[in-house]
């Protein structure tokens, strides 16, 4: 419906009952539209831990764009996904794609298919040497705060399915900044 038509409907002389019904109908339509936007376009995500520090801090609000097709996922994207293991939504960065060979070295360096991953967003953190081969239809995700991140390196099933991925954080709303 065109906005001018809606405004004309509101200006028309009506009984109090008709005016009340019209307002209630408009509120219901707005709630329905908000639900559709949240389900199909974007939603807000509140960061619960410091695993993505410094990109995202606890209590930051991230605007998350829904992902409807896995081809939309890019290396380095910060994704929101549902962890079957923990039964919660988590936020981590994409490191590996289906069929990638991932090596996490003791000095914190990460190699994807033999090439060192350029990660200017994090400080080096030492750890164990780990090696993974990402299966078809799955992804390897890690937090930026590697020393304090429960991620693909720690999960019982280290790989995240396409179906578990809910969306990609495009910017932080509170505080406002681009990711």
C-alpha atoms as a PDB file:
ATOM      1  CA  UNK A   1       0.000   0.000   0.000  1.00  0.00           C
ATOM      2  CA  UNK A   2       1.330   3.466  -0.866  1.00  0.00           C
ATOM      3  CA  UNK A   3       2.138   5.794   2.074  1.00  0.00           C
ATOM      4  CA  UNK A   4      -0.132   8.561   0.752  1.00  0.00           C
ATOM      5  CA  UNK A   5      -3.046   6.109   0.688  1.00  0.00           C
ATOM      6  CA  UNK A   6      -2.355   5.170   4.304  1.00  0.00           C
ATOM      7  CA  UNK A   7      -2.153   8.832   5.347  1.00  0.00           C
ATOM      8  CA  UNK A   8      -5.409   9.593   3.509  1.00  0.00           C
ATOM      9  CA  UNK A   9      -7.080   6.697   5.337  1.00  0.00           C
ATOM     10  CA  UNK A  10      -5.922   8.125   8.657  1.00  0.00           C
ATOM     11  CA  UNK A  11      -7.211  11.643   7.852  1.00  0.00           C
ATOM     12  CA  UNK A  12     -10.668  10.426   6.828  1.00  0.00           C
ATOM     13  CA  UNK A  13     -13.396  11.087   9.420  1.00  0.00           C
ATOM     14  CA  UNK A  14     -14.106   7.869  11.296  1.00  0.00           C
ATOM     15  CA  UNK A  15     -15.779   6.786  14.434  1.00  0.00           C
ATOM     16  CA  UNK A  16     -13.535   6.126  17.412  1.00  0.00           C
ATOM     17  CA  UNK A  17     -14.086   2.382  16.978  1.00  0.00           C
ATOM     18  CA  UNK A  18     -13.092   2.455  13.284  1.00  0.00           C
ATOM     19  CA  UNK A  19     -10.040   4.601  14.066  1.00  0.00           C
ATOM     20  CA  UNK A  20      -9.008   2.203  16.863  1.00  0.00           C
ATOM     21  CA  UNK A  21      -9.368  -0.839  14.587  1.00  0.00           C
ATOM     22  CA  UNK A  22      -7.301   0.913  11.896  1.00  0.00           C
ATOM     23  CA  UNK A  23      -4.499   1.670  14.380  1.00  0.00           C
ATOM     24  CA  UNK A  24      -4.536  -1.891  15.700  1.00  0.00           C
ATOM     25  CA  UNK A  25      -4.362  -3.239  12.110  1.00  0.00           C
ATOM     26  CA  UNK A  26      -1.383  -0.989  11.378  1.00  0.00           C
ATOM     27  CA  UNK A  27       0.425  -2.137  14.548  1.00  0.00           C
ATOM     28  CA  UNK A  28      -0.179  -5.797  13.649  1.00  0.00           C
ATOM     29  CA  UNK A  29       1.105  -5.157  10.094  1.00  0.00           C
ATOM     30  CA  UNK A  30       4.250  -3.469  11.486  1.00  0.00           C
ATOM     31  CA  UNK A  31       4.914  -6.391  13.875  1.00  0.00           C
ATOM     32  CA  UNK A  32       4.413  -8.869  11.026  1.00  0.00           C
ATOM     33  CA  UNK A  33       6.795  -6.894   8.763  1.00  0.00           C
ATOM     34  CA  UNK A  34       9.430  -6.744  11.543  1.00  0.00           C
ATOM     35  CA  UNK A  35       9.145 -10.512  11.997  1.00  0.00           C
ATOM     36  CA  UNK A  36       9.666 -11.094   8.274  1.00  0.00           C
ATOM     37  CA  UNK A  37      12.717  -8.812   8.231  1.00  0.00           C
ATOM     38  CA  UNK A  38      14.217 -10.618  11.248  1.00  0.00           C
ATOM     39  CA  UNK A  39      13.570 -14.075   9.799  1.00  0.00           C
ATOM     40  CA  UNK A  40      14.751 -13.401   6.236  1.00  0.00           C
ATOM     41  CA  UNK A  41      16.999 -10.313   6.091  1.00  0.00           C
ATOM     42  CA  UNK A  42      18.866  -9.389   9.286  1.00  0.00           C
ATOM     43  CA  UNK A  43      18.866  -9.607  13.071  1.00  0.00           C
ATOM     44  CA  UNK A  44      20.853  -8.300  16.047  1.00  0.00           C
ATOM     45  CA  UNK A  45      23.424 -10.428  17.844  1.00  0.00           C
ATOM     46  CA  UNK A  46      24.794  -9.579  21.291  1.00  0.00           C
ATOM     47  CA  UNK A  47      28.387 -10.689  21.832  1.00  0.00           C
ATOM     48  CA  UNK A  48      28.584 -12.894  24.945  1.00  0.00           C
ATOM     49  CA  UNK A  49      32.330 -13.493  25.330  1.00  0.00           C
ATOM     50  CA  UNK A  50      35.735 -11.999  24.548  1.00  0.00           C
ATOM     51  CA  UNK A  51      36.601 -14.691  21.975  1.00  0.00           C
ATOM     52  CA  UNK A  52      36.353 -12.179  19.097  1.00  0.00           C
ATOM     53  CA  UNK A  53      38.323  -9.408  20.829  1.00  0.00           C
ATOM     54  CA  UNK A  54      39.458  -6.900  19.520  1.00  0.00           C
ATOM     55  CA  UNK A  55      37.030  -6.954  16.556  1.00  0.00           C
ATOM     56  CA  UNK A  56      34.039  -7.450  18.856  1.00  0.00           C
ATOM     57  CA  UNK A  57      33.858  -7.044  22.607  1.00  0.00           C
ATOM     58  CA  UNK A  58      31.447  -8.534  25.150  1.00  0.00           C
ATOM     59  CA  UNK A  59      28.061  -6.782  25.082  1.00  0.00           C
ATOM     60  CA  UNK A  60      28.647  -5.316  21.570  1.00  0.00           C
ATOM     61  CA  UNK A  61      25.563  -5.523  19.353  1.00  0.00           C
ATOM     62  CA  UNK A  62      26.302  -6.810  15.857  1.00  0.00           C
ATOM     63  CA  UNK A  63      23.950  -6.324  12.920  1.00  0.00           C
ATOM     64  CA  UNK A  64      23.826  -9.760  11.309  1.00  0.00           C
ATOM     65  CA  UNK A  65      22.845 -10.229   7.670  1.00  0.00           C
ATOM     66  CA  UNK A  66      21.153 -13.581   7.027  1.00  0.00           C
ATOM     67  CA  UNK A  67      23.040 -15.953   4.733  1.00  0.00           C
ATOM     68  CA  UNK A  68      20.732 -17.833   2.374  1.00  0.00           C
ATOM     69  CA  UNK A  69      23.427 -19.249   0.105  1.00  0.00           C
ATOM     70  CA  UNK A  70      26.828 -20.568   1.218  1.00  0.00           C
ATOM     71  CA  UNK A  71      28.492 -18.913  -1.798  1.00  0.00           C
ATOM     72  CA  UNK A  72      27.919 -15.584   0.049  1.00  0.00           C
ATOM     73  CA  UNK A  73      30.494 -16.617   2.704  1.00  0.00           C
ATOM     74  CA  UNK A  74      33.946 -15.080   2.261  1.00  0.00           C
ATOM     75  CA  UNK A  75      37.249 -15.776   3.994  1.00  0.00           C
ATOM     76  CA  UNK A  76      37.563 -13.603   7.100  1.00  0.00           C
ATOM     77  CA  UNK A  77      33.811 -13.052   7.515  1.00  0.00           C
ATOM     78  CA  UNK A  78      32.565 -13.014  11.093  1.00  0.00           C
ATOM     79  CA  UNK A  79      29.726 -15.537  11.220  1.00  0.00           C
ATOM     80  CA  UNK A  80      26.956 -16.249  13.697  1.00  0.00           C
ATOM     81  CA  UNK A  81      26.131 -19.961  13.935  1.00  0.00           C
ATOM     82  CA  UNK A  82      24.265 -22.370  16.155  1.00  0.00           C
ATOM     83  CA  UNK A  83      26.517 -24.807  18.016  1.00  0.00           C
ATOM     84  CA  UNK A  84      24.813 -28.192  18.371  1.00  0.00           C
ATOM     85  CA  UNK A  85      27.490 -29.152  20.874  1.00  0.00           C
ATOM     86  CA  UNK A  86      26.949 -26.163  23.194  1.00  0.00           C
ATOM     87  CA  UNK A  87      23.291 -25.466  22.274  1.00  0.00           C
ATOM     88  CA  UNK A  88      23.978 -21.722  21.856  1.00  0.00           C
ATOM     89  CA  UNK A  89      24.667 -19.184  19.111  1.00  0.00           C
ATOM     90  CA  UNK A  90      28.384 -18.400  18.690  1.00  0.00           C
ATOM     91  CA  UNK A  91      30.365 -15.777  16.782  1.00  0.00           C
ATOM     92  CA  UNK A  92      33.616 -16.750  15.022  1.00  0.00           C
ATOM     93  CA  UNK A  93      35.689 -15.843  11.940  1.00  0.00           C
ATOM     94  CA  UNK A  94      35.819 -18.014   8.786  1.00  0.00           C
ATOM     95  CA  UNK A  95      39.221 -19.641   8.382  1.00  0.00           C
ATOM     96  CA  UNK A  96      38.563 -22.690   6.196  1.00  0.00           C
ATOM     97  CA  UNK A  97      36.092 -23.699   3.476  1.00  0.00           C
ATOM     98  CA  UNK A  98      35.016 -27.139   2.270  1.00  0.00           C
ATOM     99  CA  UNK A  99      38.045 -29.225   1.133  1.00  0.00           C
ATOM    100  CA  UNK A 100      40.600 -26.793   2.642  1.00  0.00           C
ATOM    101  CA  UNK A 101      43.685 -28.120   4.429  1.00  0.00           C
ATOM    102  CA  UNK A 102      44.257 -26.131   7.648  1.00  0.00           C
ATOM    103  CA  UNK A 103      47.439 -26.151   9.749  1.00  0.00           C
ATOM    104  CA  UNK A 104      47.622 -24.222  13.032  1.00  0.00           C
ATOM    105  CA  UNK A 105      51.284 -23.948  14.031  1.00  0.00           C
ATOM    106  CA  UNK A 106      52.641 -23.741  17.588  1.00  0.00           C
ATOM    107  CA  UNK A 107      53.655 -20.101  17.074  1.00  0.00           C
ATOM    108  CA  UNK A 108      50.027 -19.172  16.228  1.00  0.00           C
ATOM    109  CA  UNK A 109      50.477 -18.983  12.468  1.00  0.00           C
ATOM    110  CA  UNK A 110      47.614 -20.479  10.434  1.00  0.00           C
ATOM    111  CA  UNK A 111      48.113 -21.979   6.990  1.00  0.00           C
ATOM    112  CA  UNK A 112      45.277 -22.641   4.548  1.00  0.00           C
ATOM    113  CA  UNK A 113      46.218 -24.913   1.638  1.00  0.00           C
ATOM    114  CA  UNK A 114      49.899 -24.208   2.232  1.00  0.00           C
ATOM    115  CA  UNK A 115      49.597 -20.393   2.340  1.00  0.00           C
ATOM    116  CA  UNK A 116      50.028 -18.446   5.551  1.00  0.00           C
ATOM    117  CA  UNK A 117      46.815 -16.661   6.469  1.00  0.00           C
ATOM    118  CA  UNK A 118      47.203 -12.885   6.729  1.00  0.00           C
ATOM    119  CA  UNK A 119      45.428 -11.910   9.968  1.00  0.00           C
ATOM    120  CA  UNK A 120      46.158  -8.268  10.845  1.00  0.00           C
ATOM    121  CA  UNK A 121      43.174  -8.232  13.234  1.00  0.00           C
ATOM    122  CA  UNK A 122      44.818 -10.396  15.911  1.00  0.00           C
ATOM    123  CA  UNK A 123      47.853 -10.706  18.110  1.00  0.00           C
ATOM    124  CA  UNK A 124      49.891 -13.875  17.739  1.00  0.00           C
ATOM    125  CA  UNK A 125      49.049 -16.514  20.312  1.00  0.00           C
ATOM    126  CA  UNK A 126      51.018 -19.675  20.822  1.00  0.00           C
ATOM    127  CA  UNK A 127      49.371 -23.068  21.003  1.00  0.00           C
ATOM    128  CA  UNK A 128      49.548 -26.657  19.836  1.00  0.00           C
ATOM    129  CA  UNK A 129      50.224 -27.717  16.271  1.00  0.00           C
ATOM    130  CA  UNK A 130      46.929 -28.902  14.788  1.00  0.00           C
ATOM    131  CA  UNK A 131      46.007 -30.081  11.316  1.00  0.00           C
ATOM    132  CA  UNK A 132      42.570 -30.401   9.694  1.00  0.00           C
ATOM    133  CA  UNK A 133      40.987 -31.296   6.358  1.00  0.00           C
ATOM    134  CA  UNK A 134      37.596 -29.545   6.057  1.00  0.00           C
ATOM    135  CA  UNK A 135      34.890 -31.920   4.727  1.00  0.00           C
ATOM    136  CA  UNK A 136      32.407 -30.994   1.976  1.00  0.00           C
ATOM    137  CA  UNK A 137      29.594 -28.702   3.114  1.00  0.00           C
ATOM    138  CA  UNK A 138      31.415 -27.650   6.290  1.00  0.00           C
ATOM    139  CA  UNK A 139      33.542 -24.738   7.543  1.00  0.00           C
ATOM    140  CA  UNK A 140      36.398 -24.187   9.982  1.00  0.00           C
ATOM    141  CA  UNK A 141      35.904 -21.151  12.267  1.00  0.00           C
ATOM    142  CA  UNK A 142      38.146 -19.557  14.880  1.00  0.00           C
ATOM    143  CA  UNK A 143      37.879 -16.665  17.328  1.00  0.00           C
ATOM    144  CA  UNK A 144      40.218 -13.687  17.002  1.00  0.00           C
ATOM    145  CA  UNK A 145      41.255 -13.927  20.655  1.00  0.00           C
ATOM    146  CA  UNK A 146      42.861 -17.328  20.016  1.00  0.00           C
ATOM    147  CA  UNK A 147      44.093 -17.901  23.568  1.00  0.00           C
ATOM    148  CA  UNK A 148      40.543 -17.428  24.946  1.00  0.00           C
ATOM    149  CA  UNK A 149      38.362 -18.808  22.155  1.00  0.00           C
ATOM    150  CA  UNK A 150      36.388 -22.029  22.222  1.00  0.00           C
ATOM    151  CA  UNK A 151      36.205 -22.657  18.478  1.00  0.00           C
ATOM    152  CA  UNK A 152      36.774 -25.291  15.756  1.00  0.00           C
ATOM    153  CA  UNK A 153      40.074 -26.241  17.396  1.00  0.00           C
ATOM    154  CA  UNK A 154      38.221 -27.152  20.613  1.00  0.00           C
ATOM    155  CA  UNK A 155      34.864 -28.570  19.461  1.00  0.00           C
ATOM    156  CA  UNK A 156      34.285 -32.331  19.546  1.00  0.00           C
ATOM    157  CA  UNK A 157      33.152 -31.941  15.909  1.00  0.00           C
ATOM    158  CA  UNK A 158      35.459 -29.171  14.659  1.00  0.00           C
ATOM    159  CA  UNK A 159      33.556 -28.374  11.471  1.00  0.00           C
ATOM    160  CA  UNK A 160      30.463 -26.167  11.194  1.00  0.00           C
ATOM    161  CA  UNK A 161      27.722 -27.198   8.764  1.00  0.00           C
ATOM    162  CA  UNK A 162      26.185 -24.781   6.263  1.00  0.00           C
ATOM    163  CA  UNK A 163      22.821 -25.339   7.964  1.00  0.00           C
ATOM    164  CA  UNK A 164      24.183 -24.135  11.329  1.00  0.00           C
ATOM    165  CA  UNK A 165      25.341 -20.799   9.893  1.00  0.00           C
ATOM    166  CA  UNK A 166      22.758 -18.089  10.595  1.00  0.00           C
ATOM    167  CA  UNK A 167      24.411 -14.981   9.173  1.00  0.00           C
ATOM    168  CA  UNK A 168      27.379 -12.648   8.785  1.00  0.00           C
ATOM    169  CA  UNK A 169      27.997  -9.680  11.080  1.00  0.00           C
ATOM    170  CA  UNK A 170      28.283  -6.602   8.890  1.00  0.00           C
ATOM    171  CA  UNK A 171      28.835  -3.925  11.555  1.00  0.00           C
ATOM    172  CA  UNK A 172      28.655  -3.227  15.252  1.00  0.00           C
ATOM    173  CA  UNK A 173      25.606  -1.184  16.210  1.00  0.00           C
ATOM    174  CA  UNK A 174      26.571  -0.551  19.854  1.00  0.00           C
ATOM    175  CA  UNK A 175      29.193   0.874  19.755  1.00  0.00           C
ATOM    176  CA  UNK A 176      28.764   1.893  16.135  1.00  0.00           C
ATOM    177  CA  UNK A 177      31.706   0.812  13.941  1.00  0.00           C
ATOM    178  CA  UNK A 178      32.402  -1.177  10.811  1.00  0.00           C
ATOM    179  CA  UNK A 179      33.697  -4.704  11.322  1.00  0.00           C
END
